[in-house]
Protein backbone atom coordinates (compact mmCIF):
# COMPACT_ATOMS: atom_id res chain seq x y z
CA UNK A 1 3.69 31.41 -32.23
CA UNK A 2 5.15 34.76 -32.73
CA UNK A 3 2.92 37.72 -33.31
CA UNK A 4 3.41 40.40 -35.91
CA UNK A 5 4.94 42.74 -33.36
CA UNK A 6 7.40 40.03 -32.38
CA UNK A 7 8.68 39.68 -35.78
CA UNK A 8 8.88 43.50 -36.43
CA UNK A 9 11.11 43.74 -33.35
CA UNK A 10 13.20 40.75 -34.47
CA UNK A 11 13.62 42.28 -37.94
CA UNK A 12 14.63 45.65 -36.38
CA UNK A 13 17.24 43.95 -34.01
CA UNK A 14 18.62 41.73 -36.81
CA UNK A 15 19.00 44.61 -39.17
CA UNK A 16 20.61 46.98 -36.63
CA UNK A 17 22.98 44.07 -35.66
CA UNK A 18 24.09 43.57 -39.30
CA UNK A 19 24.42 47.38 -39.63
CA UNK A 20 26.64 47.58 -36.53
CA UNK A 21 28.69 44.65 -37.64
CA UNK A 22 29.31 46.13 -41.04
CA UNK A 23 30.31 49.61 -39.71
CA UNK A 24 32.56 47.99 -37.03
CA UNK A 25 34.41 45.84 -39.59
CA UNK A 26 34.62 48.91 -41.99
CA UNK A 27 35.85 51.29 -39.27
CA UNK A 28 38.57 48.69 -38.21
CA UNK A 29 39.71 48.40 -41.77
CA UNK A 30 39.86 52.05 -42.06
CA UNK A 31 42.12 52.35 -38.90
CA UNK A 32 44.30 49.41 -40.19
CA UNK A 33 44.83 51.23 -43.48
CA UNK A 34 46.01 54.38 -41.48
CA UNK A 35 42.77 56.33 -42.28
CA UNK A 36 43.68 56.77 -45.98
CA UNK A 37 40.41 55.31 -47.43
CA UNK A 38 38.00 57.70 -48.92
CA UNK A 39 34.65 56.49 -49.89
CA UNK A 40 32.04 59.31 -49.71
CA UNK A 41 31.84 62.86 -50.36
CA UNK A 42 35.44 63.98 -50.60
CA UNK A 43 36.30 61.36 -53.25
CA UNK A 44 37.09 57.91 -53.97
CA UNK A 45 40.34 55.93 -53.77
CA UNK A 46 41.43 52.30 -53.67
CA UNK A 47 41.33 51.98 -49.86
CA UNK A 48 37.94 53.61 -49.63
CA UNK A 49 36.59 51.06 -52.18
CA UNK A 50 38.06 48.23 -49.92
CA UNK A 51 36.35 49.61 -46.92
CA UNK A 52 33.19 50.09 -48.73
CA UNK A 53 33.26 46.41 -50.16
CA UNK A 54 34.19 45.14 -46.56
CA UNK A 55 31.15 46.92 -45.23
CA UNK A 56 28.74 45.45 -47.93
CA UNK A 57 30.26 41.96 -47.43
CA UNK A 58 29.85 42.01 -43.76
CA UNK A 59 26.40 43.63 -43.67
CA UNK A 60 25.03 41.20 -46.29
CA UNK A 61 26.64 38.17 -44.56
CA UNK A 62 25.23 39.39 -41.31
CA UNK A 63 21.76 39.95 -42.84
CA UNK A 64 21.72 36.35 -44.19
CA UNK A 65 22.89 34.87 -40.83
CA UNK A 66 20.22 36.94 -38.88
CA UNK A 67 17.35 35.95 -41.29
CA UNK A 68 18.20 32.39 -40.72
CA UNK A 69 18.48 32.75 -37.04
CA UNK A 70 15.33 34.82 -36.14
CA UNK A 71 13.30 33.51 -39.31
CA UNK A 72 11.55 36.66 -40.37
CA UNK A 73 10.31 37.65 -43.79
CA UNK A 74 12.76 39.33 -46.09
CA UNK A 75 10.78 42.49 -46.44
CA UNK A 76 10.53 42.85 -42.69
CA UNK A 77 14.29 42.30 -42.27
CA UNK A 78 15.32 44.58 -45.06
CA UNK A 79 12.94 47.38 -43.93
CA UNK A 80 14.25 47.08 -40.24
CA UNK A 81 10.79 45.97 -39.16
CA UNK A 82 8.91 48.98 -40.86
CA UNK A 83 7.02 46.60 -43.22
CA UNK A 84 5.17 44.23 -41.00
CA UNK A 85 4.37 40.57 -41.92
CA UNK A 86 0.80 39.67 -42.75
CA UNK A 87 -1.32 38.80 -39.68
CA UNK A 88 -3.48 35.81 -39.49
CA UNK A 89 -6.49 37.97 -39.30
CA UNK A 90 -5.63 39.67 -42.62
CA UNK A 91 -5.25 36.36 -44.32
CA UNK A 92 -8.40 34.78 -42.81
CA UNK A 93 -11.71 34.57 -44.77
CA UNK A 94 -15.09 34.68 -43.29
CA UNK A 95 -16.43 31.47 -41.87
CA UNK A 96 -20.24 30.84 -41.15
CA UNK A 97 -21.06 31.06 -37.41
CA UNK A 98 -24.25 29.25 -36.59
CA UNK A 99 -26.31 28.73 -33.39
CA UNK A 100 -27.82 25.28 -34.12
CA UNK A 101 -26.78 22.21 -36.02
CA UNK A 102 -30.19 22.08 -37.79
CA UNK A 103 -29.55 25.28 -39.77
CA UNK A 104 -26.24 24.25 -41.14
CA UNK A 105 -26.12 23.47 -44.92
CA UNK A 106 -22.57 24.17 -45.77
CA UNK A 107 -19.13 22.47 -45.66
CA UNK A 108 -17.42 24.18 -42.46
CA UNK A 109 -18.80 26.29 -39.87
CA UNK A 110 -18.29 27.37 -36.21
CA UNK A 111 -20.99 26.36 -33.77
CA UNK A 112 -21.66 28.99 -31.10
CA UNK A 113 -23.72 28.81 -27.89
CA UNK A 114 -24.62 31.96 -25.89
CA UNK A 115 -21.91 33.93 -27.69
CA UNK A 116 -19.06 31.54 -27.28
CA UNK A 117 -17.70 29.22 -29.90
CA UNK A 118 -18.06 25.67 -28.70
CA UNK A 119 -17.21 23.55 -31.81
CA UNK A 120 -16.47 23.17 -35.48
CA UNK A 121 -18.54 21.36 -38.08
CA UNK A 122 -17.13 19.98 -41.14
CA UNK A 123 -13.47 19.25 -40.56
CA UNK A 124 -14.01 15.73 -39.24
CA UNK A 125 -16.83 13.16 -39.15
CA UNK A 126 -18.25 14.73 -36.09
CA UNK A 127 -18.53 17.83 -34.02
CA UNK A 128 -14.93 18.94 -33.20
CA UNK A 129 -14.79 20.73 -29.76
CA UNK A 130 -13.37 24.37 -30.00
CA UNK A 131 -10.74 23.42 -27.50
CA UNK A 132 -9.42 20.80 -29.97
CA UNK A 133 -9.65 22.85 -33.12
CA UNK A 134 -6.65 24.49 -34.60
CA UNK A 135 -7.22 28.13 -33.40
CA UNK A 136 -4.78 31.02 -33.39
CA UNK A 137 -5.02 34.53 -32.33
CA UNK A 138 -5.59 37.41 -35.03
CA UNK A 139 -2.33 38.90 -34.20
CA UNK A 140 -0.14 35.81 -34.94
CA UNK A 141 2.07 36.25 -37.90
CA UNK A 142 0.65 34.22 -40.97
CA UNK A 143 4.26 33.02 -41.71
CA UNK A 144 4.28 31.24 -38.34
CA UNK A 145 1.32 29.01 -39.29
CA UNK A 146 3.31 26.33 -41.27
CA UNK A 147 3.45 23.79 -38.34
CA UNK A 148 -0.33 23.89 -38.12
CA UNK A 149 -0.78 23.36 -41.81
CA UNK A 150 1.29 20.21 -41.79
CA UNK A 151 -1.44 18.65 -39.46
CA UNK A 152 -4.57 20.38 -40.56
CA UNK A 153 -6.39 21.48 -43.46
CA UNK A 154 -7.96 24.55 -41.87
CA UNK A 155 -6.88 26.90 -39.10
CA UNK A 156 -9.34 29.25 -37.50
CA UNK A 157 -8.53 32.75 -36.39
CA UNK A 158 -10.22 33.98 -33.28
CA UNK A 159 -9.51 36.45 -30.35
CA UNK A 160 -11.44 35.29 -27.30
CA UNK A 161 -15.14 34.82 -28.43
CA UNK A 162 -14.78 36.74 -31.66
CA UNK A 163 -14.16 34.34 -34.52
CA UNK A 164 -12.55 36.37 -37.48
CA UNK A 165 -12.49 33.56 -39.88
CA UNK A 166 -10.63 30.61 -41.21
CA UNK A 167 -7.43 30.02 -43.29
CA UNK A 168 -7.39 27.03 -45.59
CA UNK A 169 -4.20 25.16 -46.50
CA UNK A 170 -4.61 26.26 -50.15
CA UNK A 171 -4.95 29.91 -49.29
CA UNK A 172 -1.78 29.58 -46.97
CA UNK A 173 0.45 28.17 -49.59
CA UNK A 174 -0.80 30.61 -52.16
CA UNK A 175 0.16 33.29 -49.53
CA UNK A 176 3.63 31.76 -49.35
CA UNK A 177 3.92 31.84 -53.20
CA UNK A 178 3.38 28.21 -54.07
CA UNK A 179 1.43 27.70 -57.39
């Protein structure tokens, strides 16, 4: 799964590629029209408006193609990577971390032994080993979790032995804008 940093870089590259494509097409059109187009500080004319429309069309089409190709959020793409997508750590909510099964009285919790997570209680009929639980890094982009939520109700967010929390399927779909 891609991290927030990967998606920011992909958004920057896609935006710059669309910008360059638009400028190249507009520049070629300017040369083809004999340099008669004016679309800027000095004034406007028909050829300049054609060049501007060509830039806008190619830039928009290139952004649309790039968005589909690199699969980044719209805000990340349109801001050239300045607005980062939400990380899994930001989306996660606290989950109880317990040291013994006898002290558990909730629905879902992470069982810890000697500071290391060893399993999850409450997502199956028995204890699910930590290695088999759906766990992602805190830097993973939240938009990348769709494949996990097709198979699991809950995804845990942890970096090494530090458990940041869990994301429920309902919270994930609410983040995506589903009602």
